[in-house]
Amino acid sequence: SLHPIEKVVEEEGEKWNFAEKLPERSELFDRATVKGSQFAKPLLEFSGACEGCGETPYVKLLTQLFGERMLIANATGCSSIWGGSYPAVPYTVNEKGQGPAWGNSLFEDNAEY
């Protein structure tokens, strides 16, 4: 159930700040391996997808593998709703300010877009 944001920030703020300060360990492993990809920072955060959505784990993994070099040409559908509902876009950037580029066209095939 939902709780007032002030109460949640007060109770969980310290944990959030701790998690934000954890160092990235992606340089310890080959990013192109299954194990190594999981140490890379995901560039997908807080998607508005439905609970149990099967798309978001794959997109999260893709951002860990190709995030700062990734171009997403999205077809209209569920992922255009949770992936591009301005102003709350789930994609983020790395420490260099680089992240996935996302685009959507309602009337074009996304492969041609």
C-alpha atoms as a PDB file:
ATOM      1  CA  SER A   1       0.000   0.000   0.000  1.00  0.00           C
ATOM      2  CA  LEU A   2       1.054   3.578  -0.521  1.00  0.00           C
ATOM      3  CA  HIS A   3       2.520   5.645   2.280  1.00  0.00           C
ATOM      4  CA  PRO A   4       3.141   9.405   2.505  1.00  0.00           C
ATOM      5  CA  ILE A   5       6.415  10.245   0.741  1.00  0.00           C
ATOM      6  CA  GLU A   6       7.763  12.117   3.764  1.00  0.00           C
ATOM      7  CA  LYS A   7       7.476   8.981   5.906  1.00  0.00           C
ATOM      8  CA  VAL A   8       9.163   6.794   3.270  1.00  0.00           C
ATOM      9  CA  VAL A   9      12.026   9.263   2.739  1.00  0.00           C
ATOM     10  CA  GLU A  10      12.582   9.466   6.480  1.00  0.00           C
ATOM     11  CA  GLU A  11      12.592   5.675   6.925  1.00  0.00           C
ATOM     12  CA  GLU A  12      14.450   4.681   3.756  1.00  0.00           C
ATOM     13  CA  GLY A  13      16.616   7.729   3.016  1.00  0.00           C
ATOM     14  CA  GLU A  14      19.696   6.418   4.784  1.00  0.00           C
ATOM     15  CA  LYS A  15      19.556   3.130   2.859  1.00  0.00           C
ATOM     16  CA  TRP A  16      19.153   4.980  -0.443  1.00  0.00           C
ATOM     17  CA  ASN A  17      22.133   7.228   0.279  1.00  0.00           C
ATOM     18  CA  PHE A  18      24.259   4.188   1.159  1.00  0.00           C
ATOM     19  CA  ALA A  19      23.288   2.409  -2.073  1.00  0.00           C
ATOM     20  CA  GLU A  20      24.053   5.513  -4.143  1.00  0.00           C
ATOM     21  CA  LYS A  21      27.599   5.669  -2.732  1.00  0.00           C
ATOM     22  CA  LEU A  22      28.522   2.061  -3.512  1.00  0.00           C
ATOM     23  CA  PRO A  23      31.414   1.921  -5.991  1.00  0.00           C
ATOM     24  CA  GLU A  24      30.875   0.453  -9.426  1.00  0.00           C
ATOM     25  CA  ARG A  25      32.793  -2.793  -9.915  1.00  0.00           C
ATOM     26  CA  SER A  26      32.282  -3.316 -13.650  1.00  0.00           C
ATOM     27  CA  GLU A  27      36.007  -2.973 -14.402  1.00  0.00           C
ATOM     28  CA  LEU A  28      36.723  -6.200 -12.497  1.00  0.00           C
ATOM     29  CA  PHE A  29      34.991  -8.430 -15.055  1.00  0.00           C
ATOM     30  CA  ASP A  30      34.507  -8.647 -18.805  1.00  0.00           C
ATOM     31  CA  ARG A  31      31.290  -6.738 -19.501  1.00  0.00           C
ATOM     32  CA  ALA A  32      30.496  -8.992 -22.469  1.00  0.00           C
ATOM     33  CA  THR A  33      30.034 -12.049 -20.247  1.00  0.00           C
ATOM     34  CA  VAL A  34      26.898 -12.983 -18.324  1.00  0.00           C
ATOM     35  CA  LYS A  35      28.691 -12.578 -14.991  1.00  0.00           C
ATOM     36  CA  GLY A  36      30.474  -9.390 -15.967  1.00  0.00           C
ATOM     37  CA  SER A  37      27.365  -7.697 -17.342  1.00  0.00           C
ATOM     38  CA  GLN A  38      25.721  -7.887 -13.920  1.00  0.00           C
ATOM     39  CA  PHE A  39      28.444  -5.692 -12.414  1.00  0.00           C
ATOM     40  CA  ALA A  40      27.765  -2.890 -14.902  1.00  0.00           C
ATOM     41  CA  LYS A  41      25.397  -0.122 -13.832  1.00  0.00           C
ATOM     42  CA  PRO A  42      21.990  -0.611 -15.442  1.00  0.00           C
ATOM     43  CA  LEU A  43      20.865   2.452 -17.364  1.00  0.00           C
ATOM     44  CA  LEU A  44      17.201   1.580 -16.815  1.00  0.00           C
ATOM     45  CA  GLU A  45      15.681   2.697 -13.529  1.00  0.00           C
ATOM     46  CA  PHE A  46      12.149   2.744 -12.168  1.00  0.00           C
ATOM     47  CA  SER A  47      10.185   1.793 -15.252  1.00  0.00           C
ATOM     48  CA  GLY A  48       6.452   2.241 -15.059  1.00  0.00           C
ATOM     49  CA  ALA A  49       5.885  -1.206 -16.511  1.00  0.00           C
ATOM     50  CA  CYS A  50       3.290  -3.546 -15.104  1.00  0.00           C
ATOM     51  CA  GLU A  51       4.302  -5.747 -12.205  1.00  0.00           C
ATOM     52  CA  GLY A  52       5.924  -8.905 -13.554  1.00  0.00           C
ATOM     53  CA  CYS A  53       6.562  -7.389 -16.990  1.00  0.00           C
ATOM     54  CA  GLY A  54       8.891  -9.612 -19.007  1.00  0.00           C
ATOM     55  CA  GLU A  55      10.320  -6.804 -21.159  1.00  0.00           C
ATOM     56  CA  THR A  56      12.084  -4.806 -18.472  1.00  0.00           C
ATOM     57  CA  PRO A  57      14.640  -7.443 -17.379  1.00  0.00           C
ATOM     58  CA  TYR A  58      15.775  -7.773 -20.999  1.00  0.00           C
ATOM     59  CA  VAL A  59      16.012  -4.015 -21.505  1.00  0.00           C
ATOM     60  CA  LYS A  60      17.915  -3.692 -18.215  1.00  0.00           C
ATOM     61  CA  LEU A  61      20.403  -6.314 -19.417  1.00  0.00           C
ATOM     62  CA  LEU A  62      20.736  -4.576 -22.794  1.00  0.00           C
ATOM     63  CA  THR A  63      21.556  -1.307 -21.035  1.00  0.00           C
ATOM     64  CA  GLN A  64      24.201  -3.100 -18.969  1.00  0.00           C
ATOM     65  CA  LEU A  65      25.770  -4.537 -22.124  1.00  0.00           C
ATOM     66  CA  PHE A  66      25.425  -1.619 -24.556  1.00  0.00           C
ATOM     67  CA  GLY A  67      23.967   1.277 -22.514  1.00  0.00           C
ATOM     68  CA  GLU A  68      26.045   4.301 -23.453  1.00  0.00           C
ATOM     69  CA  ARG A  69      26.213   3.154 -27.102  1.00  0.00           C
ATOM     70  CA  MET A  70      22.588   2.050 -27.355  1.00  0.00           C
ATOM     71  CA  LEU A  71      20.038   3.443 -29.827  1.00  0.00           C
ATOM     72  CA  ILE A  72      16.477   2.311 -29.228  1.00  0.00           C
ATOM     73  CA  ALA A  73      14.065   2.610 -32.178  1.00  0.00           C
ATOM     74  CA  ASN A  74      10.889   1.653 -30.382  1.00  0.00           C
ATOM     75  CA  ALA A  75       7.717   0.276 -31.940  1.00  0.00           C
ATOM     76  CA  THR A  76       4.466   1.633 -30.552  1.00  0.00           C
ATOM     77  CA  GLY A  77       3.167  -0.591 -27.774  1.00  0.00           C
ATOM     78  CA  CYS A  78       3.692  -1.274 -24.073  1.00  0.00           C
ATOM     79  CA  SER A  79       7.369  -0.367 -24.101  1.00  0.00           C
ATOM     80  CA  SER A  80       6.602   3.032 -25.630  1.00  0.00           C
ATOM     81  CA  ILE A  81       4.339   3.723 -22.651  1.00  0.00           C
ATOM     82  CA  TRP A  82       6.689   2.684 -19.827  1.00  0.00           C
ATOM     83  CA  GLY A  83       9.800   3.693 -21.796  1.00  0.00           C
ATOM     84  CA  GLY A  84       8.866   7.165 -22.921  1.00  0.00           C
ATOM     85  CA  SER A  85       6.118   8.742 -20.849  1.00  0.00           C
ATOM     86  CA  TYR A  86       7.539  12.222 -20.412  1.00  0.00           C
ATOM     87  CA  PRO A  87       8.625  13.522 -17.898  1.00  0.00           C
ATOM     88  CA  ALA A  88       9.302  10.215 -16.114  1.00  0.00           C
ATOM     89  CA  VAL A  89      11.590   8.367 -18.519  1.00  0.00           C
ATOM     90  CA  PRO A  90      13.165   5.222 -17.008  1.00  0.00           C
ATOM     91  CA  TYR A  91      16.454   5.530 -18.889  1.00  0.00           C
ATOM     92  CA  THR A  92      19.365   7.188 -17.124  1.00  0.00           C
ATOM     93  CA  VAL A  93      22.995   8.081 -17.850  1.00  0.00           C
ATOM     94  CA  ASN A  94      26.373   6.930 -16.593  1.00  0.00           C
ATOM     95  CA  GLU A  95      28.883   9.095 -14.727  1.00  0.00           C
ATOM     96  CA  LYS A  96      30.021  10.613 -18.061  1.00  0.00           C
ATOM     97  CA  GLY A  97      26.476  11.702 -18.930  1.00  0.00           C
ATOM     98  CA  GLN A  98      26.116   9.037 -21.631  1.00  0.00           C
ATOM     99  CA  GLY A  99      23.090   6.796 -21.926  1.00  0.00           C
ATOM    100  CA  PRO A 100      20.656   5.168 -24.332  1.00  0.00           C
ATOM    101  CA  ALA A 101      19.080   7.278 -27.066  1.00  0.00           C
ATOM    102  CA  TRP A 102      15.381   6.488 -27.387  1.00  0.00           C
ATOM    103  CA  GLY A 103      12.986   7.274 -30.209  1.00  0.00           C
ATOM    104  CA  ASN A 104       9.516   6.218 -31.234  1.00  0.00           C
ATOM    105  CA  SER A 105       7.403   6.741 -34.313  1.00  0.00           C
ATOM    106  CA  LEU A 106       3.698   6.063 -34.303  1.00  0.00           C
ATOM    107  CA  PHE A 107       3.339   5.748 -38.063  1.00  0.00           C
ATOM    108  CA  GLU A 108       6.585   4.147 -39.204  1.00  0.00           C
ATOM    109  CA  ASP A 109       7.958   0.644 -38.869  1.00  0.00           C
ATOM    110  CA  ASN A 110      10.623   0.899 -36.164  1.00  0.00           C
ATOM    111  CA  ALA A 111      13.120  -0.961 -38.375  1.00  0.00           C
ATOM    112  CA  GLU A 112      12.806   1.826 -40.968  1.00  0.00           C
ATOM    113  CA  TYR A 113      12.656   4.607 -38.402  1.00  0.00           C
END
